[in-house]
Amino acid sequence: MEKDIIKDKVLKLFQNRLNKDFSGKEELLDVPLFGLEIGIHAFELVYIFFDIEREFNIHISEKDIQEGKLSTINTIINMIDSYKL
């Protein structure tokens, strides 16, 4: 799957779950999800993890979480891309 398609799907998941539109806001894709700018709550991120697993038919490992692969929208996109869908 092309990275642009992954990005579009991830942004749609965030929009649906958080009611926040990140389209055209490239500067926010590298901002920490738990920071003041985006302000995601831990329970919201858990739901997004489940949405990602379901949408891309992958399993997010504890190792991925511990290595910070879910800390920004871009790291999430890169992690999904690394699964070579």
C-alpha atoms as a PDB file:
ATOM      1  CA  MET A   1       0.000   0.000   0.000  1.00  0.00           C
ATOM      2  CA  GLU A   2       1.333   3.427  -0.909  1.00  0.00           C
ATOM      3  CA  LYS A   3       2.303   5.746   1.915  1.00  0.00           C
ATOM      4  CA  ASP A   4      -0.100   8.468   0.702  1.00  0.00           C
ATOM      5  CA  ILE A   5      -2.998   6.028   0.963  1.00  0.00           C
ATOM      6  CA  ILE A   6      -1.893   5.025   4.467  1.00  0.00           C
ATOM      7  CA  LYS A   7      -1.679   8.694   5.439  1.00  0.00           C
ATOM      8  CA  ASP A   8      -5.168   9.437   4.098  1.00  0.00           C
ATOM      9  CA  LYS A   9      -6.639   6.480   5.983  1.00  0.00           C
ATOM     10  CA  VAL A  10      -4.863   7.376   9.239  1.00  0.00           C
ATOM     11  CA  LEU A  11      -6.009  10.995   9.023  1.00  0.00           C
ATOM     12  CA  LYS A  12      -9.566   9.789   8.400  1.00  0.00           C
ATOM     13  CA  LEU A  13      -9.363   7.546  11.504  1.00  0.00           C
ATOM     14  CA  PHE A  14      -8.225  10.496  13.614  1.00  0.00           C
ATOM     15  CA  GLN A  15     -10.962  12.680  12.160  1.00  0.00           C
ATOM     16  CA  ASN A  16     -13.661  10.108  12.818  1.00  0.00           C
ATOM     17  CA  ARG A  17     -12.479   9.284  16.337  1.00  0.00           C
ATOM     18  CA  LEU A  18     -11.511  12.768  17.569  1.00  0.00           C
ATOM     19  CA  ASN A  19     -13.627  14.964  15.339  1.00  0.00           C
ATOM     20  CA  LYS A  20     -10.420  16.831  14.383  1.00  0.00           C
ATOM     21  CA  ASP A  21      -9.397  17.406  10.784  1.00  0.00           C
ATOM     22  CA  PHE A  22      -5.639  17.217  10.212  1.00  0.00           C
ATOM     23  CA  SER A  23      -5.872  17.485   6.406  1.00  0.00           C
ATOM     24  CA  GLY A  24      -3.658  20.268   5.098  1.00  0.00           C
ATOM     25  CA  LYS A  25      -2.014  20.690   8.504  1.00  0.00           C
ATOM     26  CA  GLU A  26       1.310  19.031   7.760  1.00  0.00           C
ATOM     27  CA  GLU A  27       2.974  20.837  10.678  1.00  0.00           C
ATOM     28  CA  LEU A  28       0.830  18.852  13.135  1.00  0.00           C
ATOM     29  CA  LEU A  29       1.868  15.452  11.808  1.00  0.00           C
ATOM     30  CA  ASP A  30       5.123  15.536  13.797  1.00  0.00           C
ATOM     31  CA  VAL A  31       3.667  17.035  16.972  1.00  0.00           C
ATOM     32  CA  PRO A  32       3.430  14.644  19.968  1.00  0.00           C
ATOM     33  CA  LEU A  33      -0.102  13.329  20.302  1.00  0.00           C
ATOM     34  CA  PHE A  34      -0.129  13.885  24.068  1.00  0.00           C
ATOM     35  CA  GLY A  35       1.151  17.468  23.799  1.00  0.00           C
ATOM     36  CA  LEU A  36      -0.846  20.621  24.292  1.00  0.00           C
ATOM     37  CA  GLU A  37      -1.345  21.240  20.569  1.00  0.00           C
ATOM     38  CA  ILE A  38      -3.208  18.015  19.814  1.00  0.00           C
ATOM     39  CA  GLY A  39      -4.151  17.057  23.356  1.00  0.00           C
ATOM     40  CA  ILE A  40      -5.188  13.446  22.892  1.00  0.00           C
ATOM     41  CA  HIS A  41      -6.238  11.566  26.015  1.00  0.00           C
ATOM     42  CA  ALA A  42      -4.780   8.107  26.618  1.00  0.00           C
ATOM     43  CA  PHE A  43      -8.154   6.375  26.271  1.00  0.00           C
ATOM     44  CA  GLU A  44      -8.696   8.056  22.876  1.00  0.00           C
ATOM     45  CA  LEU A  45      -5.340   6.788  21.669  1.00  0.00           C
ATOM     46  CA  VAL A  46      -6.253   3.249  22.737  1.00  0.00           C
ATOM     47  CA  TYR A  47      -9.375   3.429  20.564  1.00  0.00           C
ATOM     48  CA  ILE A  48      -7.283   4.768  17.682  1.00  0.00           C
ATOM     49  CA  PHE A  49      -4.878   1.820  18.112  1.00  0.00           C
ATOM     50  CA  PHE A  50      -7.811  -0.569  17.753  1.00  0.00           C
ATOM     51  CA  ASP A  51      -9.095   1.392  14.738  1.00  0.00           C
ATOM     52  CA  ILE A  52      -5.653   1.158  13.104  1.00  0.00           C
ATOM     53  CA  GLU A  53      -5.380  -2.576  13.754  1.00  0.00           C
ATOM     54  CA  ARG A  54      -8.824  -3.154  12.269  1.00  0.00           C
ATOM     55  CA  GLU A  55      -8.388  -0.819   9.271  1.00  0.00           C
ATOM     56  CA  PHE A  56      -4.973  -2.143   8.240  1.00  0.00           C
ATOM     57  CA  ASN A  57      -5.368  -5.717   9.486  1.00  0.00           C
ATOM     58  CA  ILE A  58      -2.206  -5.503  11.611  1.00  0.00           C
ATOM     59  CA  HIS A  59      -1.287  -6.131  15.239  1.00  0.00           C
ATOM     60  CA  ILE A  60       0.485  -3.279  17.013  1.00  0.00           C
ATOM     61  CA  SER A  61       3.119  -4.912  19.182  1.00  0.00           C
ATOM     62  CA  GLU A  62       4.205  -3.812  22.634  1.00  0.00           C
ATOM     63  CA  LYS A  63       7.642  -3.253  21.124  1.00  0.00           C
ATOM     64  CA  ASP A  64       6.208  -0.709  18.661  1.00  0.00           C
ATOM     65  CA  ILE A  65       4.531   1.127  21.532  1.00  0.00           C
ATOM     66  CA  GLN A  66       7.649   1.083  23.708  1.00  0.00           C
ATOM     67  CA  GLU A  67       9.818   2.340  20.842  1.00  0.00           C
ATOM     68  CA  GLY A  68       7.570   5.386  20.410  1.00  0.00           C
ATOM     69  CA  LYS A  69       6.231   4.379  17.024  1.00  0.00           C
ATOM     70  CA  LEU A  70       2.837   5.741  18.033  1.00  0.00           C
ATOM     71  CA  SER A  71       3.903   9.109  19.401  1.00  0.00           C
ATOM     72  CA  THR A  72       2.991  11.274  16.390  1.00  0.00           C
ATOM     73  CA  ILE A  73       0.784  10.864  13.368  1.00  0.00           C
ATOM     74  CA  ASN A  74       3.854  10.522  11.126  1.00  0.00           C
ATOM     75  CA  THR A  75       5.407   7.821  13.324  1.00  0.00           C
ATOM     76  CA  ILE A  76       2.107   5.929  13.131  1.00  0.00           C
ATOM     77  CA  ILE A  77       2.100   6.235   9.338  1.00  0.00           C
ATOM     78  CA  ASN A  78       5.724   5.035   9.168  1.00  0.00           C
ATOM     79  CA  MET A  79       4.992   2.112  11.495  1.00  0.00           C
ATOM     80  CA  ILE A  80       2.059   0.985   9.346  1.00  0.00           C
ATOM     81  CA  ASP A  81       4.180   1.377   6.204  1.00  0.00           C
ATOM     82  CA  SER A  82       6.866  -0.828   7.778  1.00  0.00           C
ATOM     83  CA  TYR A  83       4.376  -3.705   7.839  1.00  0.00           C
ATOM     84  CA  LYS A  84       4.503  -3.658   3.990  1.00  0.00           C
ATOM     85  CA  LEU A  85       0.766  -3.966   3.449  1.00  0.00           C
END
